Amino acid sequence: MIYLGLSHDLQPAGANAENPTFFAVDTLPQLAYEHQTIIAAARERLRNKLTYTNIAYALLPEQFSLSQLQTAYEAALGRPLDKRNFRKKIAALEIIEPTGTYNKEGAHRPARLYRFKQQQLQVVSRNLE
């Protein structure tokens, strides 16, 4: 049995966690046994779930900008997404809501922050793709 765990703030634990190394999925070193196959299956499962669920909530902090949301989708899907189309489709899914706050970091215009309406996995009525 294989489990897929998602987190936006991983903290290693255990006896061998003193100097953990995290890798992007595309840059993993050679792995033993069937771990490459397991990781490929988990990545494909995540890609599929992103199209019909709100699973991205597990990849982001509680409050996030639309650019951060799009970056998470692009990383998981492994391809760039058109900004206007992405935002239109996310709005149609009705899975996020504005928080009324803005990210004021940086020299550019503050970004509106959002949150997921549900912080648990739910199937959405429309498909992102």
C-alpha atoms as a PDB file:
ATOM      1  CA  MET A   1       0.000   0.000   0.000  1.00  0.00           C
ATOM      2  CA  ILE A   2       1.227   3.491  -0.845  1.00  0.00           C
ATOM      3  CA  TYR A   3       0.117   6.759   0.752  1.00  0.00           C
ATOM      4  CA  LEU A   4       0.477  10.233  -0.717  1.00  0.00           C
ATOM      5  CA  GLY A   5       1.188  12.909   1.881  1.00  0.00           C
ATOM      6  CA  LEU A   6       1.162  16.624   1.057  1.00  0.00           C
ATOM      7  CA  SER A   7       2.392  19.566   3.058  1.00  0.00           C
ATOM      8  CA  HIS A   8       3.431  23.153   2.468  1.00  0.00           C
ATOM      9  CA  ASP A   9       5.737  23.195   5.515  1.00  0.00           C
ATOM     10  CA  LEU A  10       7.619  19.920   5.884  1.00  0.00           C
ATOM     11  CA  GLN A  11       9.526  19.324   9.077  1.00  0.00           C
ATOM     12  CA  PRO A  12      11.569  16.100   9.132  1.00  0.00           C
ATOM     13  CA  ALA A  13      11.397  13.929  12.214  1.00  0.00           C
ATOM     14  CA  GLY A  14      13.201  10.881  13.485  1.00  0.00           C
ATOM     15  CA  ALA A  15      16.716   9.813  14.356  1.00  0.00           C
ATOM     16  CA  ASN A  16      18.162  10.429  10.871  1.00  0.00           C
ATOM     17  CA  ALA A  17      16.561  13.829  10.342  1.00  0.00           C
ATOM     18  CA  GLU A  18      19.457  16.041  11.477  1.00  0.00           C
ATOM     19  CA  ASN A  19      20.547  16.983   7.943  1.00  0.00           C
ATOM     20  CA  PRO A  20      17.697  16.104   5.604  1.00  0.00           C
ATOM     21  CA  THR A  21      17.925  16.896   1.927  1.00  0.00           C
ATOM     22  CA  PHE A  22      14.823  17.748  -0.053  1.00  0.00           C
ATOM     23  CA  PHE A  23      14.779  17.347  -3.815  1.00  0.00           C
ATOM     24  CA  ALA A  24      12.441  18.534  -6.526  1.00  0.00           C
ATOM     25  CA  VAL A  25      10.729  15.499  -8.044  1.00  0.00           C
ATOM     26  CA  ASP A  26      12.471  16.137 -11.365  1.00  0.00           C
ATOM     27  CA  THR A  27      15.928  16.149  -9.760  1.00  0.00           C
ATOM     28  CA  LEU A  28      15.762  13.127  -7.461  1.00  0.00           C
ATOM     29  CA  PRO A  29      18.935  11.057  -7.198  1.00  0.00           C
ATOM     30  CA  GLN A  30      18.896   7.394  -8.211  1.00  0.00           C
ATOM     31  CA  LEU A  31      16.606   5.535  -5.816  1.00  0.00           C
ATOM     32  CA  ALA A  32      16.607   1.911  -4.742  1.00  0.00           C
ATOM     33  CA  TYR A  33      14.010  -0.757  -5.393  1.00  0.00           C
ATOM     34  CA  GLU A  34      10.827   0.481  -7.074  1.00  0.00           C
ATOM     35  CA  HIS A  35      10.861   3.931  -5.468  1.00  0.00           C
ATOM     36  CA  GLN A  36      11.052   5.742  -8.846  1.00  0.00           C
ATOM     37  CA  THR A  37       7.888   3.948  -9.942  1.00  0.00           C
ATOM     38  CA  ILE A  38       6.168   4.748  -6.651  1.00  0.00           C
ATOM     39  CA  ILE A  39       7.061   8.435  -6.906  1.00  0.00           C
ATOM     40  CA  ALA A  40       5.913   8.602 -10.534  1.00  0.00           C
ATOM     41  CA  ALA A  41       2.578   7.041  -9.542  1.00  0.00           C
ATOM     42  CA  ALA A  42       2.155   9.498  -6.644  1.00  0.00           C
ATOM     43  CA  ARG A  43       2.936  12.457  -8.900  1.00  0.00           C
ATOM     44  CA  GLU A  44       0.421  11.270 -11.503  1.00  0.00           C
ATOM     45  CA  ARG A  45      -2.193  10.799  -8.770  1.00  0.00           C
ATOM     46  CA  LEU A  46      -1.603  14.350  -7.542  1.00  0.00           C
ATOM     47  CA  ARG A  47      -1.878  15.708 -11.087  1.00  0.00           C
ATOM     48  CA  ASN A  48      -5.193  13.946 -11.533  1.00  0.00           C
ATOM     49  CA  LYS A  49      -6.573  15.040  -8.156  1.00  0.00           C
ATOM     50  CA  LEU A  50      -5.723  18.668  -8.928  1.00  0.00           C
ATOM     51  CA  THR A  51      -8.176  18.603 -11.822  1.00  0.00           C
ATOM     52  CA  TYR A  52     -11.260  17.562  -9.843  1.00  0.00           C
ATOM     53  CA  THR A  53     -10.611  18.324  -6.148  1.00  0.00           C
ATOM     54  CA  ASN A  54      -9.423  21.149  -3.905  1.00  0.00           C
ATOM     55  CA  ILE A  55      -6.282  19.177  -2.923  1.00  0.00           C
ATOM     56  CA  ALA A  56      -4.062  22.209  -3.561  1.00  0.00           C
ATOM     57  CA  TYR A  57      -5.045  23.438  -0.069  1.00  0.00           C
ATOM     58  CA  ALA A  58      -2.467  21.000   1.298  1.00  0.00           C
ATOM     59  CA  LEU A  59       0.308  22.593  -0.759  1.00  0.00           C
ATOM     60  CA  LEU A  60      -0.156  26.210   0.320  1.00  0.00           C
ATOM     61  CA  PRO A  61      -0.170  28.251   3.515  1.00  0.00           C
ATOM     62  CA  GLU A  62      -3.546  29.230   4.940  1.00  0.00           C
ATOM     63  CA  GLN A  63      -3.459  32.550   3.059  1.00  0.00           C
ATOM     64  CA  PHE A  64      -1.940  32.787  -0.416  1.00  0.00           C
ATOM     65  CA  SER A  65      -1.947  34.908  -3.557  1.00  0.00           C
ATOM     66  CA  LEU A  66      -3.323  33.726  -6.886  1.00  0.00           C
ATOM     67  CA  SER A  67       0.249  33.721  -8.215  1.00  0.00           C
ATOM     68  CA  GLN A  68       1.277  31.326  -5.441  1.00  0.00           C
ATOM     69  CA  LEU A  69      -1.714  29.109  -6.226  1.00  0.00           C
ATOM     70  CA  GLN A  70      -0.818  29.049  -9.916  1.00  0.00           C
ATOM     71  CA  THR A  71       2.822  28.257  -9.113  1.00  0.00           C
ATOM     72  CA  ALA A  72       1.702  25.262  -7.016  1.00  0.00           C
ATOM     73  CA  TYR A  73      -0.487  23.974  -9.861  1.00  0.00           C
ATOM     74  CA  GLU A  74       2.288  24.477 -12.414  1.00  0.00           C
ATOM     75  CA  ALA A  75       4.819  22.645 -10.239  1.00  0.00           C
ATOM     76  CA  ALA A  76       2.509  19.684  -9.717  1.00  0.00           C
ATOM     77  CA  LEU A  77       1.300  19.536 -13.313  1.00  0.00           C
ATOM     78  CA  GLY A  78       4.801  20.024 -14.700  1.00  0.00           C
ATOM     79  CA  ARG A  79       3.804  22.683 -17.220  1.00  0.00           C
ATOM     80  CA  PRO A  80       3.073  26.416 -17.383  1.00  0.00           C
ATOM     81  CA  LEU A  81      -0.528  27.633 -17.290  1.00  0.00           C
ATOM     82  CA  ASP A  82      -2.020  30.714 -18.912  1.00  0.00           C
ATOM     83  CA  LYS A  83      -2.596  33.275 -16.154  1.00  0.00           C
ATOM     84  CA  ARG A  84      -6.001  34.566 -17.337  1.00  0.00           C
ATOM     85  CA  ASN A  85      -7.427  31.125 -18.081  1.00  0.00           C
ATOM     86  CA  PHE A  86      -6.152  29.725 -14.784  1.00  0.00           C
ATOM     87  CA  ARG A  87      -7.736  32.518 -12.761  1.00  0.00           C
ATOM     88  CA  LYS A  88     -11.018  32.207 -14.641  1.00  0.00           C
ATOM     89  CA  LYS A  89     -11.169  28.447 -14.045  1.00  0.00           C
ATOM     90  CA  ILE A  90     -10.256  28.764 -10.357  1.00  0.00           C
ATOM     91  CA  ALA A  91     -13.000  31.385  -9.919  1.00  0.00           C
ATOM     92  CA  ALA A  92     -15.512  29.055 -11.605  1.00  0.00           C
ATOM     93  CA  LEU A  93     -14.605  26.222  -9.214  1.00  0.00           C
ATOM     94  CA  GLU A  94     -15.612  28.408  -6.236  1.00  0.00           C
ATOM     95  CA  ILE A  95     -13.082  26.709  -3.938  1.00  0.00           C
ATOM     96  CA  ILE A  96     -11.287  29.844  -2.707  1.00  0.00           C
ATOM     97  CA  GLU A  97     -12.385  33.139  -1.198  1.00  0.00           C
ATOM     98  CA  PRO A  98     -10.626  36.465  -0.584  1.00  0.00           C
ATOM     99  CA  THR A  99      -9.423  37.081   2.967  1.00  0.00           C
ATOM    100  CA  GLY A 100      -9.691  40.862   2.759  1.00  0.00           C
ATOM    101  CA  THR A 101      -5.937  41.190   3.324  1.00  0.00           C
ATOM    102  CA  TYR A 102      -3.040  41.894   1.005  1.00  0.00           C
ATOM    103  CA  ASN A 103       0.577  40.751   0.750  1.00  0.00           C
ATOM    104  CA  LYS A 104       2.521  43.998   0.989  1.00  0.00           C
ATOM    105  CA  GLU A 105       6.004  42.533   0.506  1.00  0.00           C
ATOM    106  CA  GLY A 106       8.094  43.759  -2.397  1.00  0.00           C
ATOM    107  CA  ALA A 107       8.139  46.916  -4.471  1.00  0.00           C
ATOM    108  CA  HIS A 108       5.144  46.052  -6.621  1.00  0.00           C
ATOM    109  CA  ARG A 109       1.402  46.401  -6.065  1.00  0.00           C
ATOM    110  CA  PRO A 110       0.165  44.394  -3.052  1.00  0.00           C
ATOM    111  CA  ALA A 111      -1.361  41.037  -3.954  1.00  0.00           C
ATOM    112  CA  ARG A 112      -4.824  40.113  -2.665  1.00  0.00           C
ATOM    113  CA  LEU A 113      -4.699  37.067  -0.405  1.00  0.00           C
ATOM    114  CA  TYR A 114      -7.121  34.139  -0.572  1.00  0.00           C
ATOM    115  CA  ARG A 115      -7.915  31.016   1.427  1.00  0.00           C
ATOM    116  CA  PHE A 116      -9.579  27.727   0.572  1.00  0.00           C
ATOM    117  CA  LYS A 117     -13.210  27.538   1.633  1.00  0.00           C
ATOM    118  CA  GLN A 118     -12.658  23.952   2.788  1.00  0.00           C
ATOM    119  CA  GLN A 119      -9.484  22.762   4.518  1.00  0.00           C
ATOM    120  CA  GLN A 120     -10.357  19.148   3.793  1.00  0.00           C
ATOM    121  CA  LEU A 121     -10.464  17.190   0.562  1.00  0.00           C
ATOM    122  CA  GLN A 122     -13.604  17.716  -1.498  1.00  0.00           C
ATOM    123  CA  VAL A 123     -14.604  16.886  -5.047  1.00  0.00           C
ATOM    124  CA  VAL A 124     -15.543  19.983  -7.024  1.00  0.00           C
ATOM    125  CA  SER A 125     -18.497  20.187  -9.369  1.00  0.00           C
ATOM    126  CA  ARG A 126     -16.395  21.357 -12.317  1.00  0.00           C
ATOM    127  CA  ASN A 127     -13.124  20.208 -13.757  1.00  0.00           C
ATOM    128  CA  LEU A 128     -10.067  22.489 -13.848  1.00  0.00           C
ATOM    129  CA  GLU A 129      -8.896  21.148 -17.211  1.00  0.00           C
END
